[in-house]
Amino acid sequence: MKLQPLSDKVIVEVLMTEEKTASGLYLPDTAREKPQEAKVVAVGKGKTLPNGKTVAPSIKAGDKVVFAKYSGSEVKVDDKEFLIMDQDDLLAVIG
């Protein structure tokens, strides 16, 4: 990948949601929920505190995560779409 996140930023690849409901109905794009699950692609070096120390990130590349619904900035690299967001926008790691 050509992108390397800075400080406490994280680059994720959004995992698409199901196109149909449990009863078998197909949902158009406009009716689908905004996805909130993603795979971590790259992680920055960590957050720098006011005293100058760096706190290492608590996640790593390859983790599957849940993130806040409307967080991150969309970028497109090599025809793939990614989100760049703060580590604080990540809510949980899926186990």
N, C-alpha and C. Protein backbone atom coordinates (compact mmCIF):
# COMPACT_ATOMS: atom_id res chain seq x y z
N MET A 1 0.83 -1.17 0.00
CA MET A 1 0.00 0.00 0.00
C MET A 1 0.88 1.24 0.00
N LYS A 2 0.45 2.26 -0.69
CA LYS A 2 1.23 3.49 -0.82
C LYS A 2 0.93 4.49 0.29
N LEU A 3 -0.07 4.24 1.12
CA LEU A 3 -0.43 5.15 2.20
C LEU A 3 0.15 4.68 3.52
N GLN A 4 0.70 5.60 4.29
CA GLN A 4 1.16 5.31 5.65
C GLN A 4 0.52 6.35 6.56
N PRO A 5 -0.36 5.93 7.48
CA PRO A 5 -1.02 6.90 8.35
C PRO A 5 -0.04 7.56 9.32
N LEU A 6 -0.33 8.80 9.68
CA LEU A 6 0.48 9.55 10.61
C LEU A 6 -0.08 9.43 12.03
N SER A 7 0.76 9.60 13.00
CA SER A 7 0.44 9.61 14.44
C SER A 7 -0.60 8.57 14.82
N ASP A 8 -1.77 8.97 15.30
CA ASP A 8 -2.76 8.01 15.78
C ASP A 8 -3.83 7.70 14.75
N LYS A 9 -3.53 7.93 13.47
CA LYS A 9 -4.49 7.64 12.40
C LYS A 9 -4.45 6.16 12.02
N VAL A 10 -5.58 5.69 11.49
CA VAL A 10 -5.74 4.29 11.09
C VAL A 10 -6.37 4.28 9.70
N ILE A 11 -5.90 3.39 8.84
CA ILE A 11 -6.52 3.21 7.52
C ILE A 11 -7.28 1.89 7.55
N VAL A 12 -8.57 1.94 7.19
CA VAL A 12 -9.40 0.75 7.20
C VAL A 12 -10.06 0.55 5.85
N GLU A 13 -10.36 -0.71 5.55
CA GLU A 13 -11.12 -1.07 4.36
C GLU A 13 -12.49 -1.52 4.85
N VAL A 14 -13.53 -0.82 4.44
CA VAL A 14 -14.88 -1.08 4.92
C VAL A 14 -15.38 -2.41 4.37
N LEU A 15 -15.99 -3.21 5.25
CA LEU A 15 -16.59 -4.48 4.87
C LEU A 15 -18.04 -4.22 4.52
N MET A 16 -18.46 -4.66 3.35
CA MET A 16 -19.82 -4.39 2.87
C MET A 16 -20.86 -5.18 3.66
N THR A 17 -22.04 -4.59 3.79
CA THR A 17 -23.14 -5.25 4.48
C THR A 17 -23.93 -6.11 3.49
N GLU A 18 -24.79 -6.94 4.03
CA GLU A 18 -25.62 -7.80 3.20
C GLU A 18 -26.56 -6.97 2.32
N GLU A 19 -26.81 -7.45 1.11
CA GLU A 19 -27.70 -6.76 0.20
C GLU A 19 -29.14 -7.19 0.37
N LYS A 20 -29.35 -8.28 1.11
CA LYS A 20 -30.74 -8.71 1.28
C LYS A 20 -31.02 -8.96 2.76
N THR A 21 -32.29 -8.88 3.09
CA THR A 21 -32.73 -9.05 4.47
C THR A 21 -32.80 -10.54 4.81
N ALA A 22 -33.08 -10.83 6.08
CA ALA A 22 -33.20 -12.22 6.52
C ALA A 22 -34.36 -12.93 5.82
N SER A 23 -35.37 -12.17 5.42
CA SER A 23 -36.52 -12.78 4.73
C SER A 23 -36.31 -12.91 3.23
N GLY A 24 -35.16 -12.45 2.72
CA GLY A 24 -34.83 -12.65 1.32
C GLY A 24 -35.08 -11.46 0.42
N LEU A 25 -35.49 -10.32 0.96
CA LEU A 25 -35.72 -9.13 0.14
C LEU A 25 -34.40 -8.43 -0.13
N TYR A 26 -34.19 -7.99 -1.37
CA TYR A 26 -32.99 -7.26 -1.73
C TYR A 26 -33.18 -5.78 -1.45
N LEU A 27 -32.17 -5.17 -0.84
CA LEU A 27 -32.24 -3.75 -0.48
C LEU A 27 -31.48 -2.91 -1.50
N PRO A 28 -32.09 -1.79 -1.95
CA PRO A 28 -31.33 -0.87 -2.81
C PRO A 28 -30.29 -0.13 -1.98
N ASP A 29 -29.29 0.46 -2.64
CA ASP A 29 -28.22 1.18 -1.94
C ASP A 29 -28.76 2.26 -1.01
N THR A 30 -29.82 2.92 -1.40
CA THR A 30 -30.35 4.02 -0.60
C THR A 30 -31.01 3.55 0.69
N ALA A 31 -31.42 2.29 0.76
CA ALA A 31 -32.11 1.77 1.95
C ALA A 31 -31.17 1.07 2.92
N ARG A 32 -29.94 0.84 2.51
CA ARG A 32 -28.99 0.13 3.36
C ARG A 32 -28.42 1.02 4.45
N GLU A 33 -28.11 0.40 5.57
CA GLU A 33 -27.41 1.10 6.65
C GLU A 33 -25.98 1.38 6.22
N LYS A 34 -25.42 2.48 6.70
CA LYS A 34 -24.01 2.76 6.43
C LYS A 34 -23.18 1.72 7.19
N PRO A 35 -22.25 1.03 6.51
CA PRO A 35 -21.48 -0.02 7.18
C PRO A 35 -20.64 0.53 8.33
N GLN A 36 -20.46 -0.30 9.36
CA GLN A 36 -19.69 0.10 10.52
C GLN A 36 -18.59 -0.90 10.85
N GLU A 37 -18.39 -1.89 10.01
CA GLU A 37 -17.33 -2.88 10.23
C GLU A 37 -16.27 -2.69 9.16
N ALA A 38 -15.00 -2.90 9.59
CA ALA A 38 -13.90 -2.72 8.64
C ALA A 38 -12.72 -3.58 9.06
N LYS A 39 -11.81 -3.75 8.11
CA LYS A 39 -10.55 -4.45 8.36
C LYS A 39 -9.45 -3.40 8.38
N VAL A 40 -8.62 -3.42 9.42
CA VAL A 40 -7.53 -2.45 9.54
C VAL A 40 -6.44 -2.82 8.54
N VAL A 41 -6.06 -1.84 7.72
CA VAL A 41 -5.05 -2.05 6.68
C VAL A 41 -3.68 -1.54 7.15
N ALA A 42 -3.67 -0.38 7.81
CA ALA A 42 -2.42 0.21 8.28
C ALA A 42 -2.69 1.05 9.52
N VAL A 43 -1.68 1.14 10.39
CA VAL A 43 -1.80 1.87 11.65
C VAL A 43 -0.60 2.81 11.77
N GLY A 44 -0.86 4.02 12.29
CA GLY A 44 0.21 4.98 12.51
C GLY A 44 1.08 4.58 13.70
N LYS A 45 2.08 5.39 14.00
CA LYS A 45 3.05 5.07 15.06
C LYS A 45 2.48 5.25 16.46
N GLY A 46 1.41 6.01 16.62
CA GLY A 46 0.79 6.22 17.92
C GLY A 46 0.55 7.68 18.22
N LYS A 47 -0.17 7.92 19.30
CA LYS A 47 -0.54 9.27 19.70
C LYS A 47 0.57 9.90 20.53
N THR A 48 0.92 11.14 20.20
CA THR A 48 1.94 11.86 20.96
C THR A 48 1.26 12.68 22.05
N LEU A 49 1.66 12.44 23.28
CA LEU A 49 1.09 13.15 24.43
C LEU A 49 1.76 14.51 24.59
N PRO A 50 1.13 15.43 25.36
CA PRO A 50 1.72 16.76 25.57
C PRO A 50 3.13 16.73 26.18
N ASN A 51 3.44 15.66 26.94
CA ASN A 51 4.78 15.58 27.53
C ASN A 51 5.83 15.04 26.56
N GLY A 52 5.43 14.73 25.31
CA GLY A 52 6.36 14.27 24.30
C GLY A 52 6.44 12.76 24.12
N LYS A 53 5.85 12.00 25.04
CA LYS A 53 5.87 10.54 24.91
C LYS A 53 4.84 10.09 23.88
N THR A 54 5.14 8.96 23.23
CA THR A 54 4.23 8.39 22.25
C THR A 54 3.58 7.15 22.82
N VAL A 55 2.26 7.08 22.72
CA VAL A 55 1.51 5.91 23.17
C VAL A 55 1.27 5.03 21.96
N ALA A 56 1.74 3.79 22.03
CA ALA A 56 1.60 2.85 20.92
C ALA A 56 0.12 2.54 20.67
N PRO A 57 -0.26 2.30 19.41
CA PRO A 57 -1.66 1.98 19.11
C PRO A 57 -2.07 0.65 19.73
N SER A 58 -3.34 0.53 20.07
CA SER A 58 -3.84 -0.69 20.70
C SER A 58 -4.38 -1.70 19.68
N ILE A 59 -4.32 -1.36 18.40
CA ILE A 59 -4.76 -2.27 17.34
C ILE A 59 -3.62 -2.49 16.37
N LYS A 60 -3.81 -3.46 15.48
CA LYS A 60 -2.76 -3.75 14.50
C LYS A 60 -3.41 -4.04 13.14
N ALA A 61 -2.63 -3.99 12.10
CA ALA A 61 -3.12 -4.30 10.76
C ALA A 61 -3.67 -5.73 10.76
N GLY A 62 -4.81 -5.90 10.11
CA GLY A 62 -5.46 -7.20 10.03
C GLY A 62 -6.61 -7.37 11.01
N ASP A 63 -6.69 -6.51 12.04
CA ASP A 63 -7.80 -6.58 12.99
C ASP A 63 -9.10 -6.21 12.29
N LYS A 64 -10.19 -6.86 12.71
CA LYS A 64 -11.53 -6.51 12.24
C LYS A 64 -12.14 -5.64 13.33
N VAL A 65 -12.64 -4.45 12.96
CA VAL A 65 -13.09 -3.48 13.95
C VAL A 65 -14.48 -2.94 13.63
N VAL A 66 -15.10 -2.35 14.66
CA VAL A 66 -16.34 -1.61 14.52
C VAL A 66 -15.98 -0.14 14.75
N PHE A 67 -16.50 0.75 13.89
CA PHE A 67 -16.17 2.16 14.02
C PHE A 67 -17.43 3.01 14.10
N ALA A 68 -17.29 4.25 14.55
CA ALA A 68 -18.41 5.18 14.65
C ALA A 68 -19.01 5.40 13.27
N LYS A 69 -20.32 5.54 13.22
CA LYS A 69 -21.07 5.51 11.96
C LYS A 69 -20.60 6.48 10.88
N TYR A 70 -20.40 7.73 11.20
CA TYR A 70 -20.05 8.71 10.16
C TYR A 70 -18.65 9.26 10.35
N SER A 71 -17.72 8.42 10.74
CA SER A 71 -16.35 8.88 11.00
C SER A 71 -15.45 8.60 9.81
N GLY A 72 -14.31 9.26 9.79
CA GLY A 72 -13.29 9.01 8.79
C GLY A 72 -13.42 9.85 7.53
N SER A 73 -12.34 9.86 6.78
CA SER A 73 -12.27 10.55 5.49
C SER A 73 -12.03 9.50 4.41
N GLU A 74 -12.85 9.55 3.37
CA GLU A 74 -12.74 8.56 2.30
C GLU A 74 -11.59 8.92 1.36
N VAL A 75 -10.79 7.91 0.99
CA VAL A 75 -9.73 8.07 0.00
C VAL A 75 -9.77 6.89 -0.95
N LYS A 76 -9.29 7.11 -2.16
CA LYS A 76 -9.27 6.04 -3.16
C LYS A 76 -7.83 5.86 -3.63
N VAL A 77 -7.30 4.63 -3.50
CA VAL A 77 -5.95 4.32 -3.92
C VAL A 77 -5.99 3.04 -4.74
N ASP A 78 -5.42 3.08 -5.93
CA ASP A 78 -5.40 1.90 -6.82
C ASP A 78 -6.79 1.30 -7.00
N ASP A 79 -7.78 2.14 -7.23
CA ASP A 79 -9.18 1.73 -7.44
C ASP A 79 -9.82 1.03 -6.25
N LYS A 80 -9.25 1.17 -5.06
CA LYS A 80 -9.85 0.65 -3.83
C LYS A 80 -10.18 1.82 -2.93
N GLU A 81 -11.30 1.71 -2.22
CA GLU A 81 -11.70 2.78 -1.32
C GLU A 81 -11.35 2.43 0.12
N PHE A 82 -10.81 3.41 0.83
CA PHE A 82 -10.41 3.25 2.22
C PHE A 82 -10.93 4.43 3.04
N LEU A 83 -10.95 4.26 4.35
CA LEU A 83 -11.25 5.34 5.27
C LEU A 83 -10.01 5.60 6.13
N ILE A 84 -9.68 6.87 6.31
CA ILE A 84 -8.62 7.25 7.24
C ILE A 84 -9.32 7.90 8.43
N MET A 85 -9.06 7.38 9.62
CA MET A 85 -9.74 7.90 10.81
C MET A 85 -8.82 7.89 12.01
N ASP A 86 -9.21 8.61 13.06
CA ASP A 86 -8.48 8.58 14.32
C ASP A 86 -8.71 7.24 15.00
N GLN A 87 -7.75 6.78 15.73
CA GLN A 87 -7.92 5.53 16.48
C GLN A 87 -9.07 5.67 17.47
N ASP A 88 -9.32 6.87 17.97
CA ASP A 88 -10.41 7.10 18.92
C ASP A 88 -11.79 6.86 18.30
N ASP A 89 -11.91 6.86 16.96
CA ASP A 89 -13.18 6.60 16.29
C ASP A 89 -13.49 5.11 16.23
N LEU A 90 -12.51 4.26 16.53
CA LEU A 90 -12.74 2.82 16.58
C LEU A 90 -13.39 2.48 17.90
N LEU A 91 -14.46 1.70 17.85
CA LEU A 91 -15.23 1.39 19.05
C LEU A 91 -14.90 0.04 19.66
N ALA A 92 -14.56 -0.95 18.80
CA ALA A 92 -14.29 -2.29 19.32
C ALA A 92 -13.55 -3.12 18.28
N VAL A 93 -12.85 -4.13 18.76
CA VAL A 93 -12.21 -5.12 17.90
C VAL A 93 -13.10 -6.36 17.92
N ILE A 94 -13.38 -6.90 16.74
CA ILE A 94 -14.23 -8.10 16.63
C ILE A 94 -13.31 -9.32 16.73
N GLY A 95 -13.59 -10.16 17.68
CA GLY A 95 -12.75 -11.21 18.09
C GLY A 95 -12.48 -12.42 17.40
